[in-house]
PDB file of all heavy atoms in Angstrom:
ATOM      1  N   ILE A   1      86.483  97.453 101.835  1.00  0.00           N
ATOM      2  CA  ILE A   1      85.556  96.609 101.306  1.00  0.00           C
ATOM      3  C   ILE A   1      85.557  96.766  99.696  1.00  0.00           C
ATOM      4  O   ILE A   1      85.366  95.733  98.952  1.00  0.00           O
ATOM      5  CB  ILE A   1      84.138  96.877 101.844  1.00  0.00           C
ATOM      6  CG1 ILE A   1      84.134  96.330 103.317  1.00  0.00           C
ATOM      7  CG2 ILE A   1      82.977  96.060 101.067  1.00  0.00           C
ATOM      8  CD1 ILE A   1      82.763  96.642 104.113  1.00  0.00           C
ATOM      9  N   ARG A   2      85.643  97.873  99.132  1.00  0.00           N
ATOM     10  CA  ARG A   2      85.725  98.115  97.731  1.00  0.00           C
ATOM     11  C   ARG A   2      86.959  97.368  97.223  1.00  0.00           C
ATOM     12  O   ARG A   2      86.950  96.751  96.118  1.00  0.00           O
ATOM     13  CB  ARG A   2      85.924  99.596  97.379  1.00  0.00           C
ATOM     14  CG  ARG A   2      84.622 100.315  97.613  1.00  0.00           C
ATOM     15  CD  ARG A   2      84.906 101.838  97.303  1.00  0.00           C
ATOM     16  NE  ARG A   2      83.686 102.630  97.578  1.00  0.00           N
ATOM     17  CZ  ARG A   2      83.688 104.021  97.633  1.00  0.00           C
ATOM     18  NH1 ARG A   2      84.768 104.686  97.457  1.00  0.00           N
ATOM     19  NH2 ARG A   2      82.545 104.729  97.836  1.00  0.00           N
ATOM     20  N   ALA A   3      88.079  97.289  97.947  1.00  0.00           N
ATOM     21  CA  ALA A   3      89.226  96.581  97.536  1.00  0.00           C
ATOM     22  C   ALA A   3      88.954  95.079  97.509  1.00  0.00           C
ATOM     23  O   ALA A   3      89.357  94.380  96.614  1.00  0.00           O
ATOM     24  CB  ALA A   3      90.408  96.864  98.592  1.00  0.00           C
ATOM     25  N   VAL A   4      88.156  94.580  98.510  1.00  0.00           N
ATOM     26  CA  VAL A   4      87.758  93.230  98.411  1.00  0.00           C
ATOM     27  C   VAL A   4      86.947  92.937  97.236  1.00  0.00           C
ATOM     28  O   VAL A   4      87.114  91.865  96.573  1.00  0.00           O
ATOM     29  CB  VAL A   4      87.064  92.805  99.759  1.00  0.00           C
ATOM     30  CG1 VAL A   4      86.521  91.383  99.726  1.00  0.00           C
ATOM     31  CG2 VAL A   4      87.846  92.931 100.952  1.00  0.00           C
ATOM     32  N   ASP A   5      86.093  93.799  96.865  1.00  0.00           N
ATOM     33  CA  ASP A   5      85.150  93.681  95.680  1.00  0.00           C
ATOM     34  C   ASP A   5      86.007  93.512  94.426  1.00  0.00           C
ATOM     35  O   ASP A   5      85.598  92.765  93.488  1.00  0.00           O
ATOM     36  CB  ASP A   5      84.265  94.861  95.617  1.00  0.00           C
ATOM     37  CG  ASP A   5      83.296  94.708  94.548  1.00  0.00           C
ATOM     38  OD1 ASP A   5      82.518  93.556  94.486  1.00  0.00           O
ATOM     39  OD2 ASP A   5      83.169  95.518  93.622  1.00  0.00           O
ATOM     40  N   LYS A   6      87.224  94.150  94.465  1.00  0.00           N
ATOM     41  CA  LYS A   6      88.027  94.129  93.243  1.00  0.00           C
ATOM     42  C   LYS A   6      89.133  93.024  93.328  1.00  0.00           C
ATOM     43  O   LYS A   6      89.934  92.810  92.410  1.00  0.00           O
ATOM     44  CB  LYS A   6      88.859  95.465  93.074  1.00  0.00           C
ATOM     45  CG  LYS A   6      87.899  96.647  92.876  1.00  0.00           C
ATOM     46  CD  LYS A   6      88.750  97.921  92.862  1.00  0.00           C
ATOM     47  CE  LYS A   6      87.842  99.147  92.603  1.00  0.00           C
ATOM     48  NZ  LYS A   6      88.671 100.387  92.526  1.00  0.00           N
ATOM     49  N   SER A   7      89.174  92.177  94.529  1.00  0.00           N
ATOM     50  CA  SER A   7      90.226  91.264  94.702  1.00  0.00           C
ATOM     51  C   SER A   7      90.403  90.151  93.577  1.00  0.00           C
ATOM     52  O   SER A   7      91.576  89.772  93.339  1.00  0.00           O
ATOM     53  CB  SER A   7      90.003  90.579  96.001  1.00  0.00           C
ATOM     54  OG  SER A   7      88.886  89.797  96.053  1.00  0.00           O
ATOM     55  N   GLU A   8      89.377  89.835  92.975  1.00  0.00           N
ATOM     56  CA  GLU A   8      89.484  88.766  91.897  1.00  0.00           C
ATOM     57  C   GLU A   8      89.597  89.429  90.514  1.00  0.00           C
ATOM     58  O   GLU A   8      89.710  88.595  89.603  1.00  0.00           O
ATOM     59  CB  GLU A   8      88.235  87.949  91.974  1.00  0.00           C
ATOM     60  CG  GLU A   8      88.186  87.140  93.304  1.00  0.00           C
ATOM     61  CD  GLU A   8      87.066  86.011  93.231  1.00  0.00           C
ATOM     62  OE1 GLU A   8      86.304  85.962  92.246  1.00  0.00           O
ATOM     63  OE2 GLU A   8      86.955  85.271  94.211  1.00  0.00           O
ATOM     64  N   LYS A   9      89.631  90.674  90.484  1.00  0.00           N
ATOM     65  CA  LYS A   9      89.772  91.400  89.154  1.00  0.00           C
ATOM     66  C   LYS A   9      91.184  92.021  88.941  1.00  0.00           C
ATOM     67  O   LYS A   9      91.500  92.500  87.909  1.00  0.00           O
ATOM     68  CB  LYS A   9      88.719  92.554  89.024  1.00  0.00           C
ATOM     69  CG  LYS A   9      87.317  91.936  89.253  1.00  0.00           C
ATOM     70  CD  LYS A   9      86.302  93.089  89.402  1.00  0.00           C
ATOM     71  CE  LYS A   9      84.957  92.677  89.816  1.00  0.00           C
ATOM     72  NZ  LYS A   9      84.016  93.757  90.209  1.00  0.00           N
ATOM     73  N   VAL A  10      91.912  92.131  90.048  1.00  0.00           N
ATOM     74  CA  VAL A  10      93.267  92.683  89.885  1.00  0.00           C
ATOM     75  C   VAL A  10      94.288  91.679  90.467  1.00  0.00           C
ATOM     76  O   VAL A  10      93.916  90.696  91.080  1.00  0.00           O
ATOM     77  CB  VAL A  10      93.399  94.059  90.826  1.00  0.00           C
ATOM     78  CG1 VAL A  10      92.323  94.980  90.176  1.00  0.00           C
ATOM     79  CG2 VAL A  10      93.073  93.727  92.225  1.00  0.00           C
ATOM     80  N   ASP A  11      95.604  92.042  90.203  1.00  0.00           N
ATOM     81  CA  ASP A  11      96.629  91.056  90.766  1.00  0.00           C
ATOM     82  C   ASP A  11      96.766  91.330  92.218  1.00  0.00           C
ATOM     83  O   ASP A  11      96.362  92.332  92.831  1.00  0.00           O
ATOM     84  CB  ASP A  11      97.922  91.204  90.025  1.00  0.00           C
ATOM     85  CG  ASP A  11      98.514  92.591  90.110  1.00  0.00           C
ATOM     86  OD1 ASP A  11      98.486  93.253  91.159  1.00  0.00           O
ATOM     87  OD2 ASP A  11      99.150  93.036  89.006  1.00  0.00           O
ATOM     88  N   GLU A  12      97.559  90.401  92.864  1.00  0.00           N
ATOM     89  CA  GLU A  12      97.639  90.419  94.358  1.00  0.00           C
ATOM     90  C   GLU A  12      98.327  91.654  94.891  1.00  0.00           C
ATOM     91  O   GLU A  12      97.923  92.256  95.873  1.00  0.00           O
ATOM     92  CB  GLU A  12      98.442  89.152  94.754  1.00  0.00           C
ATOM     93  CG  GLU A  12      98.562  89.163  96.279  1.00  0.00           C
ATOM     94  CD  GLU A  12      99.427  87.876  96.826  1.00  0.00           C
ATOM     95  OE1 GLU A  12      99.977  87.160  95.918  1.00  0.00           O
ATOM     96  OE2 GLU A  12      99.403  87.593  97.997  1.00  0.00           O
ATOM     97  N   ASP A  13      99.379  92.114  94.141  1.00  0.00           N
ATOM     98  CA  ASP A  13     100.081  93.259  94.603  1.00  0.00           C
ATOM     99  C   ASP A  13      99.245  94.508  94.571  1.00  0.00           C
ATOM    100  O   ASP A  13      99.157  95.341  95.605  1.00  0.00           O
ATOM    101  CB  ASP A  13     101.292  93.541  93.817  1.00  0.00           C
ATOM    102  CG  ASP A  13     102.432  92.506  94.043  1.00  0.00           C
ATOM    103  OD1 ASP A  13     102.310  91.821  95.032  1.00  0.00           O
ATOM    104  OD2 ASP A  13     103.251  92.430  93.165  1.00  0.00           O
ATOM    105  N   GLU A  14      98.343  94.628  93.514  1.00  0.00           N
ATOM    106  CA  GLU A  14      97.447  95.808  93.529  1.00  0.00           C
ATOM    107  C   GLU A  14      96.341  95.677  94.570  1.00  0.00           C
ATOM    108  O   GLU A  14      96.029  96.677  95.249  1.00  0.00           O
ATOM    109  CB  GLU A  14      96.808  95.860  92.100  1.00  0.00           C
ATOM    110  CG  GLU A  14      95.937  97.045  91.966  1.00  0.00           C
ATOM    111  CD  GLU A  14      95.377  97.233  90.609  1.00  0.00           C
ATOM    112  OE1 GLU A  14      95.792  96.426  89.695  1.00  0.00           O
ATOM    113  OE2 GLU A  14      94.448  98.114  90.355  1.00  0.00           O
ATOM    114  N   TYR A  15      95.849  94.477  94.807  1.00  0.00           N
ATOM    115  CA  TYR A  15      94.861  94.261  95.811  1.00  0.00           C
ATOM    116  C   TYR A  15      95.445  94.639  97.234  1.00  0.00           C
ATOM    117  O   TYR A  15      94.817  95.367  97.943  1.00  0.00           O
ATOM    118  CB  TYR A  15      94.422  92.778  95.780  1.00  0.00           C
ATOM    119  CG  TYR A  15      93.573  92.326  96.981  1.00  0.00           C
ATOM    120  CD1 TYR A  15      92.559  93.068  97.379  1.00  0.00           C
ATOM    121  CD2 TYR A  15      93.891  91.073  97.544  1.00  0.00           C
ATOM    122  CE1 TYR A  15      91.775  92.615  98.521  1.00  0.00           C
ATOM    123  CE2 TYR A  15      93.106  90.681  98.610  1.00  0.00           C
ATOM    124  CZ  TYR A  15      92.066  91.430  99.049  1.00  0.00           C
ATOM    125  OH  TYR A  15      91.303  90.973 100.069  1.00  0.00           O
ATOM    126  N   LEU A  16      96.612  94.054  97.546  1.00  0.00           N
ATOM    127  CA  LEU A  16      97.216  94.435  98.865  1.00  0.00           C
ATOM    128  C   LEU A  16      97.475  95.916  98.960  1.00  0.00           C
ATOM    129  O   LEU A  16      97.304  96.484  99.998  1.00  0.00           O
ATOM    130  CB  LEU A  16      98.426  93.593  99.003  1.00  0.00           C
ATOM    131  CG  LEU A  16      98.284  91.987  99.128  1.00  0.00           C
ATOM    132  CD1 LEU A  16      99.629  91.360  99.268  1.00  0.00           C
ATOM    133  CD2 LEU A  16      97.472  91.764 100.418  1.00  0.00           C
ATOM    134  N   GLY A  17      97.804  96.524  97.860  1.00  0.00           N
ATOM    135  CA  GLY A  17      98.083  98.001  97.808  1.00  0.00           C
ATOM    136  C   GLY A  17      96.817  98.697  98.057  1.00  0.00           C
ATOM    137  O   GLY A  17      96.853  99.753  98.812  1.00  0.00           O
ATOM    138  N   LEU A  18      95.649  98.308  97.611  1.00  0.00           N
ATOM    139  CA  LEU A  18      94.458  98.937  97.908  1.00  0.00           C
ATOM    140  C   LEU A  18      94.056  98.840  99.390  1.00  0.00           C
ATOM    141  O   LEU A  18      93.515  99.724 100.056  1.00  0.00           O
ATOM    142  CB  LEU A  18      93.270  98.331  97.081  1.00  0.00           C
ATOM    143  CG  LEU A  18      93.363  98.641  95.541  1.00  0.00           C
ATOM    144  CD1 LEU A  18      92.372  97.752  94.810  1.00  0.00           C
ATOM    145  CD2 LEU A  18      93.149 100.085  95.252  1.00  0.00           C
ATOM    146  N   LEU A  19      94.304  97.596  99.980  1.00  0.00           N
ATOM    147  CA  LEU A  19      94.046  97.470 101.374  1.00  0.00           C
ATOM    148  C   LEU A  19      95.000  98.384 102.236  1.00  0.00           C
ATOM    149  O   LEU A  19      94.679  98.975 103.267  1.00  0.00           O
ATOM    150  CB  LEU A  19      94.208  95.959 101.895  1.00  0.00           C
ATOM    151  CG  LEU A  19      93.184  95.006 101.375  1.00  0.00           C
ATOM    152  CD1 LEU A  19      93.471  93.606 101.632  1.00  0.00           C
ATOM    153  CD2 LEU A  19      91.706  95.448 101.867  1.00  0.00           C
ATOM    154  N   TYR A  20      96.214  98.552 101.795  1.00  0.00           N
ATOM    155  CA  TYR A  20      97.191  99.345 102.403  1.00  0.00           C
ATOM    156  C   TYR A  20      96.699 100.805 102.374  1.00  0.00           C
ATOM    157  O   TYR A  20      96.814 101.478 103.414  1.00  0.00           O
ATOM    158  CB  TYR A  20      98.591  99.245 101.705  1.00  0.00           C
ATOM    159  CG  TYR A  20      99.664 100.063 102.342  1.00  0.00           C
ATOM    160  CD1 TYR A  20     100.344  99.809 103.523  1.00  0.00           C
ATOM    161  CD2 TYR A  20      99.928 101.319 101.710  1.00  0.00           C
ATOM    162  CE1 TYR A  20     101.364 100.654 104.017  1.00  0.00           C
ATOM    163  CE2 TYR A  20     100.920 102.172 102.261  1.00  0.00           C
ATOM    164  CZ  TYR A  20     101.565 101.848 103.417  1.00  0.00           C
ATOM    165  OH  TYR A  20     102.515 102.720 103.916  1.00  0.00           O
ATOM    166  N   ASP A  21      96.346 101.251 101.186  1.00  0.00           N
ATOM    167  CA  ASP A  21      95.802 102.531 101.061  1.00  0.00           C
ATOM    168  C   ASP A  21      94.600 102.791 102.005  1.00  0.00           C
ATOM    169  O   ASP A  21      94.334 103.962 102.366  1.00  0.00           O
ATOM    170  CB  ASP A  21      95.368 102.807  99.665  1.00  0.00           C
ATOM    171  CG  ASP A  21      96.553 102.833  98.673  1.00  0.00           C
ATOM    172  OD1 ASP A  21      97.691 103.025  99.187  1.00  0.00           O
ATOM    173  OD2 ASP A  21      96.372 102.727  97.384  1.00  0.00           O
ATOM    174  N   ALA A  22      93.799 101.758 102.327  1.00  0.00           N
ATOM    175  CA  ALA A  22      92.673 101.847 103.190  1.00  0.00           C
ATOM    176  C   ALA A  22      93.049 101.898 104.641  1.00  0.00           C
ATOM    177  O   ALA A  22      92.197 102.125 105.464  1.00  0.00           O
ATOM    178  CB  ALA A  22      91.724 100.708 102.943  1.00  0.00           C
ATOM    179  N   GLY A  23      94.319 101.660 105.003  1.00  0.00           N
ATOM    180  CA  GLY A  23      94.721 101.807 106.357  1.00  0.00           C
ATOM    181  C   GLY A  23      95.358 100.559 107.021  1.00  0.00           C
ATOM    182  O   GLY A  23      95.914 100.757 108.043  1.00  0.00           O
ATOM    183  N   LEU A  24      95.405  99.453 106.344  1.00  0.00           N
ATOM    184  CA  LEU A  24      96.023  98.315 106.885  1.00  0.00           C
ATOM    185  C   LEU A  24      97.532  98.307 106.508  1.00  0.00           C
ATOM    186  O   LEU A  24      97.871  98.772 105.440  1.00  0.00           O
ATOM    187  CB  LEU A  24      95.374  97.014 106.359  1.00  0.00           C
ATOM    188  CG  LEU A  24      93.903  96.762 106.753  1.00  0.00           C
ATOM    189  CD1 LEU A  24      93.370  95.554 106.012  1.00  0.00           C
ATOM    190  CD2 LEU A  24      93.774  96.558 108.301  1.00  0.00           C
ATOM    191  N   SER A  25      98.411  97.706 107.354  1.00  0.00           N
ATOM    192  CA  SER A  25      99.696  97.512 106.957  1.00  0.00           C
ATOM    193  C   SER A  25      99.736  96.271 106.014  1.00  0.00           C
ATOM    194  O   SER A  25      98.689  95.575 105.891  1.00  0.00           O
ATOM    195  CB  SER A  25     100.619  97.121 108.173  1.00  0.00           C
ATOM    196  OG  SER A  25     100.167  95.867 108.735  1.00  0.00           O
ATOM    197  N   TYR A  26     100.836  96.100 105.234  1.00  0.00           N
ATOM    198  CA  TYR A  26     100.867  94.912 104.363  1.00  0.00           C
ATOM    199  C   TYR A  26     100.668  93.707 105.130  1.00  0.00           C
ATOM    200  O   TYR A  26     100.016  92.705 104.643  1.00  0.00           O
ATOM    201  CB  TYR A  26     102.114  94.913 103.546  1.00  0.00           C
ATOM    202  CG  TYR A  26     102.030  95.857 102.331  1.00  0.00           C
ATOM    203  CD1 TYR A  26     102.706  97.150 102.437  1.00  0.00           C
ATOM    204  CD2 TYR A  26     101.326  95.530 101.242  1.00  0.00           C
ATOM    205  CE1 TYR A  26     102.549  98.005 101.308  1.00  0.00           C
ATOM    206  CE2 TYR A  26     101.224  96.417 100.176  1.00  0.00           C
ATOM    207  CZ  TYR A  26     101.851  97.656 100.237  1.00  0.00           C
ATOM    208  OH  TYR A  26     101.723  98.565  99.223  1.00  0.00           O
ATOM    209  N   ASP A  27     101.271  93.461 106.348  1.00  0.00           N
ATOM    210  CA  ASP A  27     101.145  92.253 107.087  1.00  0.00           C
ATOM    211  C   ASP A  27      99.584  92.022 107.518  1.00  0.00           C
ATOM    212  O   ASP A  27      99.105  90.980 107.461  1.00  0.00           O
ATOM    213  CB  ASP A  27     102.043  92.263 108.260  1.00  0.00           C
ATOM    214  CG  ASP A  27     103.449  92.044 107.997  1.00  0.00           C
ATOM    215  OD1 ASP A  27     103.686  91.503 106.895  1.00  0.00           O
ATOM    216  OD2 ASP A  27     104.316  92.364 108.798  1.00  0.00           O
ATOM    217  N   GLN A  28      98.954  93.229 107.963  1.00  0.00           N
ATOM    218  CA  GLN A  28      97.655  93.045 108.272  1.00  0.00           C
ATOM    219  C   GLN A  28      96.687  92.796 107.137  1.00  0.00           C
ATOM    220  O   GLN A  28      95.769  91.954 107.187  1.00  0.00           O
ATOM    221  CB  GLN A  28      97.108  94.431 108.940  1.00  0.00           C
ATOM    222  CG  GLN A  28      97.732  94.625 110.288  1.00  0.00           C
ATOM    223  CD  GLN A  28      97.441  96.055 110.831  1.00  0.00           C
ATOM    224  OE1 GLN A  28      97.290  97.044 109.995  1.00  0.00           O
ATOM    225  NE2 GLN A  28      97.288  96.225 112.118  1.00  0.00           N
ATOM    226  N   ALA A  29      97.052  93.358 105.873  1.00  0.00           N
ATOM    227  CA  ALA A  29      96.324  93.065 104.642  1.00  0.00           C
ATOM    228  C   ALA A  29      96.318  91.651 104.465  1.00  0.00           C
ATOM    229  O   ALA A  29      95.344  91.032 103.954  1.00  0.00           O
ATOM    230  CB  ALA A  29      96.833  93.932 103.562  1.00  0.00           C
ATOM    231  N   ARG A  30      97.541  90.998 104.454  1.00  0.00           N
ATOM    232  CA  ARG A  30      97.640  89.563 104.128  1.00  0.00           C
ATOM    233  C   ARG A  30      96.884  88.728 105.173  1.00  0.00           C
ATOM    234  O   ARG A  30      96.212  87.749 104.773  1.00  0.00           O
ATOM    235  CB  ARG A  30      99.159  89.137 104.230  1.00  0.00           C
ATOM    236  CG  ARG A  30      99.936  89.752 103.010  1.00  0.00           C
ATOM    237  CD  ARG A  30     101.406  89.211 102.970  1.00  0.00           C
ATOM    238  NE  ARG A  30     102.124  89.776 101.936  1.00  0.00           N
ATOM    239  CZ  ARG A  30     102.861  90.963 102.001  1.00  0.00           C
ATOM    240  NH1 ARG A  30     103.010  91.441 103.298  1.00  0.00           N
ATOM    241  NH2 ARG A  30     103.519  91.445 101.031  1.00  0.00           N
ATOM    242  N   GLU A  31      96.986  89.147 106.522  1.00  0.00           N
ATOM    243  CA  GLU A  31      96.252  88.389 107.509  1.00  0.00           C
ATOM    244  C   GLU A  31      94.709  88.447 107.331  1.00  0.00           C
ATOM    245  O   GLU A  31      94.019  87.446 107.410  1.00  0.00           O
ATOM    246  CB  GLU A  31      96.724  88.996 108.912  1.00  0.00           C
ATOM    247  CG  GLU A  31      96.027  88.108 109.996  1.00  0.00           C
ATOM    248  CD  GLU A  31      96.518  88.627 111.427  1.00  0.00           C
ATOM    249  OE1 GLU A  31      97.032  89.740 111.551  1.00  0.00           O
ATOM    250  OE2 GLU A  31      96.649  87.730 112.304  1.00  0.00           O
ATOM    251  N   PHE A  32      94.310  89.728 106.927  1.00  0.00           N
ATOM    252  CA  PHE A  32      92.818  89.866 106.734  1.00  0.00           C
ATOM    253  C   PHE A  32      92.464  89.092 105.541  1.00  0.00           C
ATOM    254  O   PHE A  32      91.335  88.281 105.577  1.00  0.00           O
ATOM    255  CB  PHE A  32      92.560  91.361 106.498  1.00  0.00           C
ATOM    256  CG  PHE A  32      91.235  91.589 105.864  1.00  0.00           C
ATOM    257  CD1 PHE A  32      90.041  91.445 106.650  1.00  0.00           C
ATOM    258  CD2 PHE A  32      91.019  92.097 104.561  1.00  0.00           C
ATOM    259  CE1 PHE A  32      88.849  91.647 106.110  1.00  0.00           C
ATOM    260  CE2 PHE A  32      89.821  92.271 104.021  1.00  0.00           C
ATOM    261  CZ  PHE A  32      88.689  92.102 104.822  1.00  0.00           C
ATOM    262  N   ASP A  33      93.193  89.018 104.541  1.00  0.00           N
ATOM    263  CA  ASP A  33      92.824  88.273 103.295  1.00  0.00           C
ATOM    264  C   ASP A  33      92.839  86.801 103.518  1.00  0.00           C
ATOM    265  O   ASP A  33      91.906  86.209 103.113  1.00  0.00           O
ATOM    266  CB  ASP A  33      93.815  88.533 102.154  1.00  0.00           C
ATOM    267  CG  ASP A  33      93.370  87.853 100.938  1.00  0.00           C
ATOM    268  OD1 ASP A  33      92.396  88.182 100.393  1.00  0.00           O
ATOM    269  OD2 ASP A  33      94.281  86.995 100.437  1.00  0.00           O
ATOM    270  N   SER A  34      93.652  86.267 104.482  1.00  0.00           N
ATOM    271  CA  SER A  34      93.694  84.922 104.772  1.00  0.00           C
ATOM    272  C   SER A  34      92.387  84.489 105.497  1.00  0.00           C
ATOM    273  O   SER A  34      92.004  83.330 105.353  1.00  0.00           O
ATOM    274  CB  SER A  34      94.857  84.517 105.566  1.00  0.00           C
ATOM    275  OG  SER A  34      94.823  85.070 106.870  1.00  0.00           O
ATOM    276  N   LEU A  35      91.868  85.407 106.267  1.00  0.00           N
ATOM    277  CA  LEU A  35      90.618  85.043 107.054  1.00  0.00           C
ATOM    278  C   LEU A  35      89.464  84.930 105.966  1.00  0.00           C
ATOM    279  O   LEU A  35      88.500  84.196 106.347  1.00  0.00           O
ATOM    280  CB  LEU A  35      90.313  86.293 107.911  1.00  0.00           C
ATOM    281  CG  LEU A  35      91.203  86.554 109.101  1.00  0.00           C
ATOM    282  CD1 LEU A  35      90.830  87.883 109.778  1.00  0.00           C
ATOM    283  CD2 LEU A  35      91.179  85.380 110.079  1.00  0.00           C
ATOM    284  N   LEU A  36      89.573  85.379 104.769  1.00  0.00           N
ATOM    285  CA  LEU A  36      88.476  85.303 103.770  1.00  0.00           C
ATOM    286  C   LEU A  36      88.473  83.942 103.080  1.00  0.00           C
ATOM    287  O   LEU A  36      87.595  83.720 102.217  1.00  0.00           O
ATOM    288  CB  LEU A  36      88.554  86.457 102.884  1.00  0.00           C
ATOM    289  CG  LEU A  36      88.655  87.843 103.432  1.00  0.00           C
ATOM    290  CD1 LEU A  36      88.590  88.847 102.329  1.00  0.00           C
ATOM    291  CD2 LEU A  36      87.531  88.088 104.425  1.00  0.00           C
ATOM    292  N   ASP A  37      89.374  83.039 103.504  1.00  0.00           N
ATOM    293  CA  ASP A  37      89.464  81.769 102.837  1.00  0.00           C
ATOM    294  C   ASP A  37      88.398  80.756 103.354  1.00  0.00           C
ATOM    295  O   ASP A  37      88.230  79.676 102.807  1.00  0.00           O
ATOM    296  CB  ASP A  37      90.846  81.136 103.138  1.00  0.00           C
ATOM    297  CG  ASP A  37      91.931  81.795 102.263  1.00  0.00           C
ATOM    298  OD1 ASP A  37      91.601  82.395 101.257  1.00  0.00           O
ATOM    299  OD2 ASP A  37      93.078  81.764 102.735  1.00  0.00           O
ATOM    300  N   VAL A  38      87.661  81.124 104.445  1.00  0.00           N
ATOM    301  CA  VAL A  38      86.622  80.313 104.924  1.00  0.00           C
ATOM    302  C   VAL A  38      85.640  79.928 103.921  1.00  0.00           C
ATOM    303  O   VAL A  38      85.022  80.851 103.209  1.00  0.00           O
ATOM    304  CB  VAL A  38      85.896  80.885 106.168  1.00  0.00           C
ATOM    305  CG1 VAL A  38      84.700  80.084 106.591  1.00  0.00           C
ATOM    306  CG2 VAL A  38      86.878  81.185 107.300  1.00  0.00           C
TER     307      VAL A  38
END
């Protein structure tokens, strides 16, 4: 969630890296992020 909070302040690679560090795979991170487009 802290990574999501930073999502608009950092570039995409850093954002996905933060989600990866939190436990998601890169594919899961992209899938999770796409859900937030609602």
